[in-house]
Amino acid sequence: MSNRTSTRLALLVGAVCVFFFVRLLVSGRSRTVPSDVLQGVLIGVGLAFVTAQILARIKATNINGWMTIFGCGVPTNGMFMRAACAQIFPGPVNVPEEAMYWTTDRDGSGHVLNGRHDYVMHFPPGGLPPNDAFWSLTMGDAKNHFVANPIERYSVGDRSGLVPNADGSVDVYIQSAAPAGRESNWLPAPAGGFILWLRAYIPGAAILRGAYAVPPVVESN
């Protein structure tokens, strides 16, 4: 689920909860145990979802349009921290010392990512995600599914054969059509909206202390 979709859903659920509260206060109809139980369950579930969304926004760190939460996956995390992490990272996550994750559905200027545009993610010399295992940048469509493409490439990283520039920097081309002469650094995008995931396994100290800044995704056309 994209950040935009989850925000809209949270607003909708919040509005429904407010409706139930107002209806409960002003309704002149007689109340019954079954209806009260049903309303209580619906309001409870709704408030739990909205609370998790709010906590996720509080706990999240935004870096050049990328979102992460430090401390996810720790066994001693409480219910609220786990709920906040689950809003951003719906699948299982490792402790930070094993893996760190970032996600975005927007470019560095805050515009929604869409395959109608071409993008570049520029890693300056020495600016690739520091790690003691590997890192990867993965593409997902608006529903977070892999994107079918002619070269069957769904992610790029330090094991995919990225070709650096002369100064040691690395450019990743994120677009629906192959960039001429730069196919080795191409991450195929769908025709519509999409989501990106950056992962670093056995992350370096700079990541763990929050000093590493993920480069923004920049529109190039």
N, C-alpha and C. Protein backbone atom coordinates (compact mmCIF):
# COMPACT_ATOMS: atom_id res chain seq x y z
N MET A 1 0.84 -1.18 0.00
CA MET A 1 0.00 0.00 0.00
C MET A 1 0.88 1.24 0.00
N SER A 2 0.64 2.18 -0.90
CA SER A 2 1.44 3.39 -0.97
C SER A 2 1.10 4.32 0.18
N ASN A 3 2.01 5.27 0.46
CA ASN A 3 1.77 6.23 1.55
C ASN A 3 0.52 7.04 1.29
N ARG A 4 0.30 7.41 0.04
CA ARG A 4 -0.87 8.22 -0.30
C ARG A 4 -2.15 7.43 -0.06
N THR A 5 -2.16 6.16 -0.44
CA THR A 5 -3.35 5.33 -0.25
C THR A 5 -3.64 5.11 1.23
N SER A 6 -2.60 4.83 2.01
CA SER A 6 -2.80 4.59 3.44
C SER A 6 -3.29 5.85 4.14
N THR A 7 -2.81 7.02 3.70
CA THR A 7 -3.29 8.28 4.30
C THR A 7 -4.76 8.49 4.00
N ARG A 8 -5.16 8.25 2.76
CA ARG A 8 -6.57 8.41 2.40
C ARG A 8 -7.44 7.43 3.17
N LEU A 9 -6.96 6.20 3.32
CA LEU A 9 -7.73 5.20 4.06
C LEU A 9 -7.86 5.59 5.52
N ALA A 10 -6.78 6.12 6.10
CA ALA A 10 -6.83 6.55 7.49
C ALA A 10 -7.83 7.68 7.68
N LEU A 11 -7.87 8.62 6.73
CA LEU A 11 -8.84 9.72 6.81
C LEU A 11 -10.27 9.20 6.71
N LEU A 12 -10.46 8.22 5.81
CA LEU A 12 -11.79 7.64 5.65
C LEU A 12 -12.23 6.93 6.92
N VAL A 13 -11.34 6.11 7.47
CA VAL A 13 -11.67 5.38 8.70
C VAL A 13 -11.94 6.35 9.84
N GLY A 14 -11.13 7.41 9.93
CA GLY A 14 -11.35 8.41 10.96
C GLY A 14 -12.70 9.08 10.83
N ALA A 15 -13.10 9.38 9.60
CA ALA A 15 -14.40 10.01 9.36
C ALA A 15 -15.54 9.07 9.77
N VAL A 16 -15.38 7.78 9.47
CA VAL A 16 -16.40 6.81 9.86
C VAL A 16 -16.52 6.73 11.38
N CYS A 17 -15.38 6.75 12.07
CA CYS A 17 -15.41 6.71 13.54
C CYS A 17 -16.12 7.93 14.10
N VAL A 18 -15.81 9.11 13.55
CA VAL A 18 -16.48 10.33 14.00
C VAL A 18 -17.99 10.23 13.76
N PHE A 19 -18.37 9.68 12.61
CA PHE A 19 -19.80 9.51 12.30
C PHE A 19 -20.48 8.65 13.36
N PHE A 20 -19.85 7.55 13.73
CA PHE A 20 -20.45 6.66 14.73
C PHE A 20 -20.58 7.37 16.08
N PHE A 21 -19.53 8.14 16.47
CA PHE A 21 -19.59 8.86 17.74
C PHE A 21 -20.74 9.87 17.74
N VAL A 22 -20.82 10.66 16.68
CA VAL A 22 -21.87 11.68 16.59
C VAL A 22 -23.25 11.03 16.58
N ARG A 23 -23.37 9.95 15.81
CA ARG A 23 -24.65 9.23 15.72
C ARG A 23 -25.07 8.70 17.08
N LEU A 24 -24.06 8.23 17.84
CA LEU A 24 -24.35 7.68 19.16
C LEU A 24 -24.85 8.76 20.11
N LEU A 25 -24.31 9.98 19.96
CA LEU A 25 -24.67 11.06 20.87
C LEU A 25 -26.02 11.69 20.55
N VAL A 26 -26.31 11.81 19.25
CA VAL A 26 -27.52 12.56 18.88
C VAL A 26 -28.70 11.67 18.52
N SER A 27 -28.44 10.39 18.34
CA SER A 27 -29.54 9.51 17.93
C SER A 27 -30.56 9.37 19.05
N GLY A 28 -31.80 9.49 18.68
CA GLY A 28 -32.87 9.34 19.66
C GLY A 28 -33.43 7.94 19.71
N ARG A 29 -32.90 7.07 18.85
CA ARG A 29 -33.43 5.70 18.81
C ARG A 29 -32.93 4.89 20.00
N SER A 30 -33.70 3.90 20.38
CA SER A 30 -33.30 3.04 21.49
C SER A 30 -32.09 2.20 21.08
N ARG A 31 -31.21 1.96 22.04
CA ARG A 31 -30.00 1.20 21.78
C ARG A 31 -30.20 -0.25 22.17
N THR A 32 -29.51 -1.15 21.47
CA THR A 32 -29.56 -2.57 21.80
C THR A 32 -28.14 -3.07 22.00
N VAL A 33 -28.03 -4.16 22.73
CA VAL A 33 -26.71 -4.73 22.99
C VAL A 33 -25.99 -5.11 21.68
N PRO A 34 -26.66 -5.83 20.74
CA PRO A 34 -25.97 -6.19 19.50
C PRO A 34 -25.46 -4.99 18.71
N SER A 35 -26.27 -3.93 18.62
CA SER A 35 -25.82 -2.76 17.85
C SER A 35 -24.67 -2.06 18.56
N ASP A 36 -24.72 -1.99 19.89
CA ASP A 36 -23.64 -1.36 20.63
C ASP A 36 -22.34 -2.14 20.48
N VAL A 37 -22.44 -3.46 20.53
CA VAL A 37 -21.24 -4.30 20.36
C VAL A 37 -20.65 -4.12 18.97
N LEU A 38 -21.53 -4.11 17.95
CA LEU A 38 -21.06 -3.93 16.58
C LEU A 38 -20.37 -2.59 16.41
N GLN A 39 -21.00 -1.54 16.91
CA GLN A 39 -20.39 -0.21 16.79
C GLN A 39 -19.08 -0.15 17.57
N GLY A 40 -19.03 -0.77 18.73
CA GLY A 40 -17.80 -0.77 19.52
C GLY A 40 -16.66 -1.45 18.79
N VAL A 41 -16.96 -2.60 18.15
CA VAL A 41 -15.93 -3.33 17.40
C VAL A 41 -15.45 -2.49 16.23
N LEU A 42 -16.39 -1.92 15.46
CA LEU A 42 -16.01 -1.12 14.30
C LEU A 42 -15.19 0.10 14.70
N ILE A 43 -15.62 0.79 15.74
CA ILE A 43 -14.89 1.97 16.19
C ILE A 43 -13.51 1.57 16.72
N GLY A 44 -13.44 0.46 17.46
CA GLY A 44 -12.16 0.00 18.01
C GLY A 44 -11.16 -0.33 16.92
N VAL A 45 -11.63 -1.07 15.91
CA VAL A 45 -10.74 -1.41 14.79
C VAL A 45 -10.31 -0.16 14.04
N GLY A 46 -11.27 0.74 13.82
CA GLY A 46 -10.94 1.97 13.11
C GLY A 46 -9.94 2.82 13.85
N LEU A 47 -10.15 2.99 15.14
CA LEU A 47 -9.23 3.79 15.94
C LEU A 47 -7.84 3.15 16.01
N ALA A 48 -7.79 1.82 16.05
CA ALA A 48 -6.49 1.13 16.07
C ALA A 48 -5.73 1.41 14.78
N PHE A 49 -6.44 1.36 13.65
CA PHE A 49 -5.79 1.62 12.36
C PHE A 49 -5.28 3.05 12.28
N VAL A 50 -6.14 4.00 12.65
CA VAL A 50 -5.74 5.41 12.60
C VAL A 50 -4.57 5.68 13.54
N THR A 51 -4.59 5.08 14.73
CA THR A 51 -3.50 5.25 15.68
C THR A 51 -2.19 4.73 15.11
N ALA A 52 -2.24 3.56 14.46
CA ALA A 52 -1.03 3.00 13.85
C ALA A 52 -0.49 3.91 12.76
N GLN A 53 -1.39 4.51 11.98
CA GLN A 53 -0.97 5.43 10.93
C GLN A 53 -0.29 6.66 11.53
N ILE A 54 -0.87 7.20 12.59
CA ILE A 54 -0.28 8.38 13.23
C ILE A 54 1.09 8.04 13.82
N LEU A 55 1.19 6.90 14.48
CA LEU A 55 2.47 6.50 15.06
C LEU A 55 3.53 6.29 13.99
N ALA A 56 3.13 5.72 12.84
CA ALA A 56 4.07 5.52 11.75
C ALA A 56 4.63 6.85 11.26
N ARG A 57 3.78 7.87 11.17
CA ARG A 57 4.24 9.18 10.72
C ARG A 57 5.16 9.82 11.76
N ILE A 58 4.88 9.57 13.05
CA ILE A 58 5.72 10.13 14.11
C ILE A 58 7.08 9.44 14.13
N LYS A 59 7.09 8.13 14.01
CA LYS A 59 8.33 7.37 14.09
C LYS A 59 9.17 7.45 12.82
N ALA A 60 8.55 7.74 11.69
CA ALA A 60 9.25 7.69 10.41
C ALA A 60 10.27 8.81 10.28
N THR A 61 11.36 8.49 9.59
CA THR A 61 12.37 9.46 9.21
C THR A 61 12.34 9.62 7.70
N ASN A 62 12.24 10.85 7.22
CA ASN A 62 12.20 11.12 5.78
C ASN A 62 13.54 11.68 5.34
N ILE A 63 14.11 11.05 4.32
CA ILE A 63 15.41 11.44 3.79
C ILE A 63 15.29 11.58 2.28
N ASN A 64 15.31 12.80 1.78
CA ASN A 64 15.25 13.05 0.34
C ASN A 64 14.06 12.34 -0.32
N GLY A 65 12.94 12.31 0.38
CA GLY A 65 11.75 11.66 -0.15
C GLY A 65 11.61 10.21 0.25
N TRP A 66 12.67 9.61 0.80
CA TRP A 66 12.65 8.22 1.24
C TRP A 66 12.20 8.15 2.70
N MET A 67 11.47 7.11 3.03
CA MET A 67 10.95 6.94 4.39
C MET A 67 11.51 5.66 5.01
N THR A 68 11.91 5.77 6.27
CA THR A 68 12.33 4.60 7.02
C THR A 68 11.95 4.78 8.48
N ILE A 69 12.02 3.71 9.23
CA ILE A 69 11.84 3.77 10.68
C ILE A 69 13.00 3.01 11.31
N PHE A 70 13.74 3.67 12.16
CA PHE A 70 14.84 3.02 12.84
C PHE A 70 14.31 2.22 14.03
N GLY A 71 14.84 1.01 14.18
CA GLY A 71 14.46 0.18 15.33
C GLY A 71 13.42 -0.87 15.05
N CYS A 72 12.99 -1.01 13.80
CA CYS A 72 12.01 -2.06 13.49
C CYS A 72 12.67 -3.43 13.62
N GLY A 73 11.84 -4.43 13.91
CA GLY A 73 12.33 -5.80 13.98
C GLY A 73 12.94 -6.21 15.30
N VAL A 74 13.10 -5.27 16.22
CA VAL A 74 13.70 -5.60 17.51
C VAL A 74 12.70 -6.40 18.35
N PRO A 75 13.11 -7.57 18.86
CA PRO A 75 12.15 -8.43 19.58
C PRO A 75 11.47 -7.76 20.77
N THR A 76 12.14 -6.81 21.41
CA THR A 76 11.56 -6.17 22.60
C THR A 76 10.64 -5.00 22.26
N ASN A 77 10.43 -4.73 20.98
CA ASN A 77 9.52 -3.65 20.60
C ASN A 77 8.11 -3.91 21.14
N GLY A 78 7.46 -2.85 21.58
CA GLY A 78 6.10 -2.97 22.06
C GLY A 78 5.09 -3.01 20.93
N MET A 79 3.85 -3.15 21.30
CA MET A 79 2.77 -3.29 20.32
C MET A 79 2.68 -2.07 19.41
N PHE A 80 2.84 -0.87 19.97
CA PHE A 80 2.68 0.34 19.17
C PHE A 80 3.81 0.50 18.16
N MET A 81 5.03 0.20 18.57
CA MET A 81 6.16 0.29 17.66
C MET A 81 6.01 -0.73 16.53
N ARG A 82 5.57 -1.93 16.87
CA ARG A 82 5.37 -2.95 15.83
C ARG A 82 4.28 -2.53 14.85
N ALA A 83 3.22 -1.93 15.38
CA ALA A 83 2.14 -1.47 14.52
C ALA A 83 2.63 -0.37 13.59
N ALA A 84 3.44 0.56 14.12
CA ALA A 84 3.97 1.64 13.29
C ALA A 84 4.85 1.09 12.18
N CYS A 85 5.71 0.14 12.50
CA CYS A 85 6.60 -0.45 11.48
C CYS A 85 5.79 -1.18 10.42
N ALA A 86 4.73 -1.85 10.83
CA ALA A 86 3.92 -2.62 9.89
C ALA A 86 3.22 -1.73 8.87
N GLN A 87 2.97 -0.46 9.21
CA GLN A 87 2.33 0.45 8.26
C GLN A 87 3.27 0.80 7.12
N ILE A 88 4.58 0.88 7.41
CA ILE A 88 5.56 1.25 6.40
C ILE A 88 6.12 0.02 5.71
N PHE A 89 6.42 -1.01 6.48
CA PHE A 89 7.01 -2.24 5.95
C PHE A 89 6.06 -3.40 6.23
N PRO A 90 5.16 -3.71 5.27
CA PRO A 90 4.11 -4.71 5.54
C PRO A 90 4.61 -6.14 5.71
N GLY A 91 5.81 -6.43 5.23
CA GLY A 91 6.33 -7.79 5.36
C GLY A 91 7.22 -7.93 6.58
N PRO A 92 7.78 -9.11 6.79
CA PRO A 92 8.69 -9.31 7.92
C PRO A 92 9.96 -8.50 7.75
N VAL A 93 10.49 -7.98 8.85
CA VAL A 93 11.72 -7.19 8.81
C VAL A 93 12.71 -7.75 9.82
N ASN A 94 13.99 -7.52 9.55
CA ASN A 94 15.05 -7.96 10.43
C ASN A 94 15.40 -6.85 11.42
N VAL A 95 16.20 -7.19 12.40
CA VAL A 95 16.72 -6.17 13.31
C VAL A 95 17.63 -5.25 12.51
N PRO A 96 17.81 -3.99 12.93
CA PRO A 96 18.60 -3.04 12.13
C PRO A 96 20.01 -3.52 11.83
N GLU A 97 20.63 -4.25 12.74
CA GLU A 97 22.00 -4.71 12.50
C GLU A 97 22.08 -5.70 11.35
N GLU A 98 20.95 -6.32 10.99
CA GLU A 98 20.93 -7.26 9.88
C GLU A 98 20.45 -6.62 8.58
N ALA A 99 19.53 -5.68 8.68
CA ALA A 99 19.02 -5.04 7.46
C ALA A 99 18.32 -3.73 7.80
N MET A 100 18.49 -2.77 6.89
CA MET A 100 17.74 -1.52 6.97
C MET A 100 16.98 -1.34 5.67
N TYR A 101 15.82 -0.69 5.76
CA TYR A 101 14.92 -0.57 4.62
C TYR A 101 14.46 0.88 4.47
N TRP A 102 14.31 1.31 3.21
CA TRP A 102 13.73 2.60 2.89
C TRP A 102 12.71 2.39 1.76
N THR A 103 11.70 3.20 1.73
CA THR A 103 10.72 3.09 0.65
C THR A 103 10.25 4.48 0.24
N THR A 104 9.81 4.61 -1.01
CA THR A 104 9.26 5.87 -1.48
C THR A 104 8.33 5.63 -2.65
N ASP A 105 7.33 6.49 -2.77
CA ASP A 105 6.50 6.52 -3.96
C ASP A 105 6.51 7.94 -4.56
N ARG A 106 7.54 8.72 -4.17
CA ARG A 106 7.65 10.10 -4.63
C ARG A 106 9.10 10.42 -4.99
N ASP A 107 9.26 11.38 -5.89
CA ASP A 107 10.62 11.81 -6.22
C ASP A 107 11.10 12.81 -5.19
N GLY A 108 12.32 13.31 -5.39
CA GLY A 108 12.90 14.22 -4.41
C GLY A 108 12.17 15.54 -4.26
N SER A 109 11.34 15.88 -5.26
CA SER A 109 10.56 17.11 -5.21
C SER A 109 9.17 16.90 -4.63
N GLY A 110 8.86 15.66 -4.26
CA GLY A 110 7.56 15.37 -3.65
C GLY A 110 6.48 14.96 -4.64
N HIS A 111 6.82 14.82 -5.92
CA HIS A 111 5.84 14.41 -6.92
C HIS A 111 5.73 12.89 -6.95
N VAL A 112 4.52 12.39 -7.19
CA VAL A 112 4.29 10.95 -7.22
C VAL A 112 5.05 10.31 -8.38
N LEU A 113 5.73 9.22 -8.09
CA LEU A 113 6.48 8.51 -9.13
C LEU A 113 5.53 7.90 -10.15
N ASN A 114 5.86 8.07 -11.43
CA ASN A 114 5.01 7.55 -12.50
C ASN A 114 5.88 7.23 -13.71
N GLY A 115 5.60 6.09 -14.33
CA GLY A 115 6.38 5.64 -15.48
C GLY A 115 6.27 6.52 -16.70
N ARG A 116 5.39 7.51 -16.68
CA ARG A 116 5.34 8.46 -17.79
C ARG A 116 6.59 9.34 -17.82
N HIS A 117 7.30 9.35 -16.69
CA HIS A 117 8.50 10.17 -16.59
C HIS A 117 9.73 9.27 -16.44
N ASP A 118 10.88 9.82 -16.77
CA ASP A 118 12.16 9.14 -16.56
C ASP A 118 12.81 9.73 -15.32
N TYR A 119 13.50 8.87 -14.57
CA TYR A 119 14.15 9.31 -13.34
C TYR A 119 15.58 8.78 -13.28
N VAL A 120 16.38 9.49 -12.49
CA VAL A 120 17.75 9.06 -12.22
C VAL A 120 17.98 9.11 -10.71
N MET A 121 18.61 8.07 -10.20
CA MET A 121 19.05 8.07 -8.80
C MET A 121 20.57 8.08 -8.84
N HIS A 122 21.16 9.18 -8.42
CA HIS A 122 22.60 9.40 -8.54
C HIS A 122 23.28 9.16 -7.20
N PHE A 123 24.15 8.16 -7.16
CA PHE A 123 24.96 7.89 -5.98
C PHE A 123 26.33 8.53 -6.21
N PRO A 124 26.71 9.51 -5.41
CA PRO A 124 28.01 10.16 -5.60
C PRO A 124 29.16 9.18 -5.32
N PRO A 125 30.39 9.55 -5.70
CA PRO A 125 31.53 8.66 -5.41
C PRO A 125 31.59 8.30 -3.93
N GLY A 126 31.65 7.02 -3.65
CA GLY A 126 31.66 6.55 -2.27
C GLY A 126 30.32 6.64 -1.58
N GLY A 127 29.26 6.91 -2.33
CA GLY A 127 27.95 7.13 -1.74
C GLY A 127 26.96 5.99 -1.84
N LEU A 128 27.43 4.81 -2.29
CA LEU A 128 26.53 3.66 -2.29
C LEU A 128 26.23 3.24 -0.85
N PRO A 129 25.10 2.60 -0.63
CA PRO A 129 24.74 2.24 0.76
C PRO A 129 25.83 1.40 1.42
N PRO A 130 26.46 1.88 2.50
CA PRO A 130 27.52 1.11 3.16
C PRO A 130 26.96 -0.17 3.79
N ASN A 131 27.65 -1.26 3.55
CA ASN A 131 27.16 -2.54 4.06
C ASN A 131 28.29 -3.55 4.09
N ASP A 132 28.06 -4.64 4.82
CA ASP A 132 29.01 -5.75 4.88
C ASP A 132 28.43 -6.99 4.23
N ALA A 133 27.35 -6.84 3.46
CA ALA A 133 26.75 -7.98 2.75
C ALA A 133 26.40 -7.53 1.34
N PHE A 134 25.22 -6.92 1.16
CA PHE A 134 24.85 -6.40 -0.16
C PHE A 134 23.72 -5.40 0.00
N TRP A 135 23.46 -4.66 -1.09
CA TRP A 135 22.34 -3.72 -1.09
C TRP A 135 21.55 -3.92 -2.38
N SER A 136 20.30 -3.50 -2.39
CA SER A 136 19.47 -3.64 -3.59
C SER A 136 18.43 -2.54 -3.66
N LEU A 137 18.07 -2.18 -4.88
CA LEU A 137 17.00 -1.23 -5.15
C LEU A 137 15.95 -1.97 -5.96
N THR A 138 14.75 -2.11 -5.41
CA THR A 138 13.71 -2.95 -6.01
C THR A 138 12.53 -2.12 -6.47
N MET A 139 11.99 -2.50 -7.62
CA MET A 139 10.83 -1.83 -8.22
C MET A 139 9.55 -2.59 -7.91
N GLY A 140 8.51 -1.86 -7.58
CA GLY A 140 7.18 -2.44 -7.43
C GLY A 140 6.15 -1.53 -8.07
N ASP A 141 5.11 -2.09 -8.63
CA ASP A 141 4.07 -1.24 -9.21
C ASP A 141 3.24 -0.60 -8.09
N ALA A 142 2.16 0.07 -8.46
CA ALA A 142 1.35 0.78 -7.46
C ALA A 142 0.78 -0.15 -6.40
N LYS A 143 0.64 -1.45 -6.72
CA LYS A 143 0.15 -2.44 -5.76
C LYS A 143 1.29 -3.22 -5.13
N ASN A 144 2.52 -2.75 -5.36
CA ASN A 144 3.71 -3.35 -4.78
C ASN A 144 4.01 -4.73 -5.35
N HIS A 145 3.63 -4.95 -6.60
CA HIS A 145 3.95 -6.20 -7.28
C HIS A 145 5.15 -5.98 -8.20
N PHE A 146 5.89 -7.04 -8.48
CA PHE A 146 6.98 -6.94 -9.43
C PHE A 146 6.44 -6.48 -10.79
N VAL A 147 7.30 -5.77 -11.52
CA VAL A 147 6.90 -5.21 -12.81
C VAL A 147 7.47 -6.06 -13.93
N ALA A 148 6.59 -6.66 -14.75
CA ALA A 148 7.05 -7.46 -15.88
C ALA A 148 7.82 -6.56 -16.86
N ASN A 149 8.93 -7.06 -17.37
CA ASN A 149 9.74 -6.27 -18.30
C ASN A 149 10.55 -7.22 -19.20
N PRO A 150 10.99 -6.75 -20.36
CA PRO A 150 11.62 -7.64 -21.34
C PRO A 150 12.94 -8.24 -20.89
N ILE A 151 13.64 -7.63 -19.93
CA ILE A 151 14.92 -8.19 -19.50
C ILE A 151 14.78 -8.92 -18.16
N GLU A 152 13.55 -9.02 -17.65
CA GLU A 152 13.26 -9.73 -16.40
C GLU A 152 14.16 -9.25 -15.26
N ARG A 153 14.25 -7.94 -15.16
CA ARG A 153 15.03 -7.33 -14.08
C ARG A 153 14.07 -6.63 -13.15
N TYR A 154 14.13 -6.99 -11.86
CA TYR A 154 13.20 -6.45 -10.88
C TYR A 154 13.91 -5.63 -9.80
N SER A 155 15.23 -5.67 -9.82
CA SER A 155 16.02 -4.90 -8.88
C SER A 155 17.42 -4.71 -9.43
N VAL A 156 18.12 -3.74 -8.90
CA VAL A 156 19.54 -3.55 -9.20
C VAL A 156 20.27 -3.41 -7.87
N GLY A 157 21.57 -3.60 -7.92
CA GLY A 157 22.35 -3.49 -6.70
C GLY A 157 23.80 -3.80 -6.96
N ASP A 158 24.54 -4.11 -5.89
CA ASP A 158 25.97 -4.34 -6.05
C ASP A 158 26.28 -5.68 -6.70
N ARG A 159 25.25 -6.49 -6.96
CA ARG A 159 25.47 -7.78 -7.62
C ARG A 159 24.82 -7.85 -9.00
N SER A 160 24.34 -6.72 -9.50
CA SER A 160 23.63 -6.74 -10.79
C SER A 160 24.47 -6.19 -11.95
N GLY A 161 25.71 -5.83 -11.68
CA GLY A 161 26.57 -5.35 -12.76
C GLY A 161 26.42 -3.89 -13.09
N LEU A 162 26.13 -3.05 -12.11
CA LEU A 162 26.03 -1.62 -12.35
C LEU A 162 27.38 -1.07 -12.81
N VAL A 163 27.34 -0.22 -13.82
CA VAL A 163 28.57 0.37 -14.36
C VAL A 163 28.74 1.77 -13.80
N PRO A 164 29.85 2.04 -13.10
CA PRO A 164 30.06 3.36 -12.53
C PRO A 164 30.48 4.38 -13.59
N ASN A 165 30.29 5.64 -13.25
CA ASN A 165 30.79 6.71 -14.11
C ASN A 165 32.29 6.86 -13.92
N ALA A 166 32.91 7.72 -14.74
CA ALA A 166 34.37 7.88 -14.69
C ALA A 166 34.85 8.36 -13.32
N ASP A 167 34.03 9.12 -12.61
CA ASP A 167 34.45 9.65 -11.31
C ASP A 167 34.11 8.72 -10.15
N GLY A 168 33.58 7.54 -10.47
CA GLY A 168 33.24 6.57 -9.43
C GLY A 168 31.82 6.66 -8.94
N SER A 169 31.07 7.66 -9.38
CA SER A 169 29.66 7.75 -9.02
C SER A 169 28.86 6.71 -9.80
N VAL A 170 27.63 6.46 -9.37
CA VAL A 170 26.78 5.47 -10.02
C VAL A 170 25.40 6.09 -10.26
N ASP A 171 24.91 5.98 -11.49
CA ASP A 171 23.58 6.44 -11.84
C ASP A 171 22.68 5.24 -12.13
N VAL A 172 21.52 5.22 -11.50
CA VAL A 172 20.51 4.20 -11.79
C VAL A 172 19.38 4.89 -12.55
N TYR A 173 19.06 4.35 -13.72
CA TYR A 173 18.03 4.94 -14.58
C TYR A 173 16.72 4.20 -14.37
N ILE A 174 15.74 4.93 -13.87
CA ILE A 174 14.45 4.35 -13.51
C ILE A 174 13.43 4.86 -14.50
N GLN A 175 13.04 4.02 -15.45
CA GLN A 175 12.13 4.44 -16.51
C GLN A 175 11.53 3.23 -17.19
N SER A 176 10.47 3.47 -17.97
CA SER A 176 9.78 2.36 -18.61
C SER A 176 10.49 1.87 -19.86
N ALA A 177 11.21 2.75 -20.57
CA ALA A 177 11.95 2.38 -21.77
C ALA A 177 13.43 2.33 -21.46
N ALA A 178 14.13 1.41 -22.10
CA ALA A 178 15.56 1.24 -21.83
C ALA A 178 16.33 2.50 -22.23
N PRO A 179 17.24 2.98 -21.38
CA PRO A 179 18.08 4.13 -21.73
C PRO A 179 19.18 3.68 -22.69
N ALA A 180 19.27 4.30 -23.83
CA ALA A 180 20.22 3.89 -24.86
C ALA A 180 21.65 3.91 -24.32
N GLY A 181 22.33 2.79 -24.44
CA GLY A 181 23.72 2.69 -24.01
C GLY A 181 23.91 2.58 -22.51
N ARG A 182 22.83 2.53 -21.76
CA ARG A 182 22.94 2.48 -20.30
C ARG A 182 22.08 1.37 -19.72
N GLU A 183 21.87 0.34 -20.50
CA GLU A 183 20.98 -0.73 -20.08
C GLU A 183 21.45 -1.44 -18.82
N SER A 184 22.78 -1.45 -18.59
CA SER A 184 23.31 -2.14 -17.40
C SER A 184 22.82 -1.49 -16.11
N ASN A 185 22.49 -0.21 -16.18
CA ASN A 185 22.06 0.53 -14.99
C ASN A 185 20.57 0.87 -15.03
N TRP A 186 19.83 0.13 -15.81
CA TRP A 186 18.40 0.38 -15.99
C TRP A 186 17.56 -0.44 -15.04
N LEU A 187 16.68 0.23 -14.29
CA LEU A 187 15.67 -0.45 -13.47
C LEU A 187 14.32 -0.20 -14.14
N PRO A 188 13.77 -1.20 -14.83
CA PRO A 188 12.52 -1.00 -15.59
C PRO A 188 11.34 -0.60 -14.69
N ALA A 189 10.60 0.40 -15.16
CA ALA A 189 9.42 0.90 -14.44
C ALA A 189 8.16 0.59 -15.23
N PRO A 190 7.01 0.54 -14.56
CA PRO A 190 5.75 0.32 -15.27
C PRO A 190 5.30 1.59 -15.96
N ALA A 191 4.19 1.52 -16.69
CA ALA A 191 3.68 2.69 -17.38
C ALA A 191 3.02 3.67 -16.41
N GLY A 192 2.56 3.17 -15.26
CA GLY A 192 1.86 4.02 -14.30
C GLY A 192 2.67 4.27 -13.04
N GLY A 193 1.97 4.39 -11.91
CA GLY A 193 2.62 4.66 -10.64
C GLY A 193 3.45 3.48 -10.15
N PHE A 194 4.45 3.78 -9.33
CA PHE A 194 5.27 2.70 -8.80
C PHE A 194 5.88 3.09 -7.45
N ILE A 195 6.42 2.07 -6.79
CA ILE A 195 7.03 2.20 -5.47
C ILE A 195 8.45 1.65 -5.54
N LEU A 196 9.37 2.28 -4.85
CA LEU A 196 10.75 1.80 -4.80
C LEU A 196 11.10 1.37 -3.37
N TRP A 197 11.92 0.33 -3.30
CA TRP A 197 12.41 -0.16 -2.01
C TRP A 197 13.93 -0.24 -2.07
N LEU A 198 14.59 0.35 -1.09
CA LEU A 198 16.04 0.25 -0.97
C LEU A 198 16.35 -0.56 0.28
N ARG A 199 17.22 -1.56 0.14
CA ARG A 199 17.57 -2.42 1.27
C ARG A 199 19.10 -2.51 1.37
N ALA A 200 19.60 -2.48 2.59
CA ALA A 200 21.03 -2.69 2.85
C ALA A 200 21.15 -3.77 3.92
N TYR A 201 21.87 -4.84 3.60
CA TYR A 201 22.01 -5.96 4.52
C TYR A 201 23.36 -5.92 5.22
N ILE A 202 23.34 -6.16 6.51
CA ILE A 202 24.47 -5.91 7.40
C ILE A 202 24.95 -4.49 7.15
N PRO A 203 24.06 -3.52 7.42
CA PRO A 203 24.37 -2.12 7.09
C PRO A 203 25.56 -1.59 7.87
N GLY A 204 26.24 -0.62 7.24
CA GLY A 204 27.40 -0.01 7.87
C GLY A 204 27.01 0.92 9.01
N ALA A 205 28.05 1.37 9.73
CA ALA A 205 27.82 2.20 10.90
C ALA A 205 27.12 3.51 10.55
N ALA A 206 27.42 4.08 9.38
CA ALA A 206 26.80 5.35 8.99
C ALA A 206 25.29 5.21 8.88
N ILE A 207 24.83 4.07 8.39
CA ILE A 207 23.38 3.83 8.29
C ILE A 207 22.78 3.66 9.68
N LEU A 208 23.42 2.87 10.50
CA LEU A 208 22.86 2.56 11.82
C LEU A 208 22.77 3.79 12.72
N ARG A 209 23.68 4.73 12.55
CA ARG A 209 23.60 5.94 13.38
C ARG A 209 22.84 7.07 12.69
N GLY A 210 22.25 6.78 11.53
CA GLY A 210 21.40 7.75 10.84
C GLY A 210 22.15 8.81 10.07
N ALA A 211 23.43 8.59 9.79
CA ALA A 211 24.23 9.59 9.10
C ALA A 211 24.19 9.44 7.58
N TYR A 212 23.78 8.28 7.09
CA TYR A 212 23.76 8.06 5.65
C TYR A 212 22.50 8.66 5.04
N ALA A 213 22.66 9.47 4.00
CA ALA A 213 21.52 10.10 3.32
C ALA A 213 21.29 9.40 1.99
N VAL A 214 20.13 8.77 1.86
CA VAL A 214 19.77 8.12 0.59
C VAL A 214 19.58 9.21 -0.46
N PRO A 215 20.20 9.05 -1.64
CA PRO A 215 20.02 10.08 -2.68
C PRO A 215 18.56 10.16 -3.15
N PRO A 216 18.13 11.33 -3.57
CA PRO A 216 16.76 11.46 -4.06
C PRO A 216 16.58 10.84 -5.43
N VAL A 217 15.36 10.51 -5.75
CA VAL A 217 15.00 10.09 -7.11
C VAL A 217 14.63 11.38 -7.86
N VAL A 218 15.36 11.67 -8.94
CA VAL A 218 15.22 12.95 -9.63
C VAL A 218 14.64 12.72 -11.02
N GLU A 219 13.59 13.47 -11.35
CA GLU A 219 13.02 13.38 -12.69
C GLU A 219 14.01 13.94 -13.70
N SER A 220 14.21 13.22 -14.80
CA SER A 220 15.21 13.63 -15.78
C SER A 220 14.62 14.10 -17.10
N ASN A 221 13.29 14.10 -17.23
CA ASN A 221 12.68 14.60 -18.46
C ASN A 221 11.43 15.41 -18.14
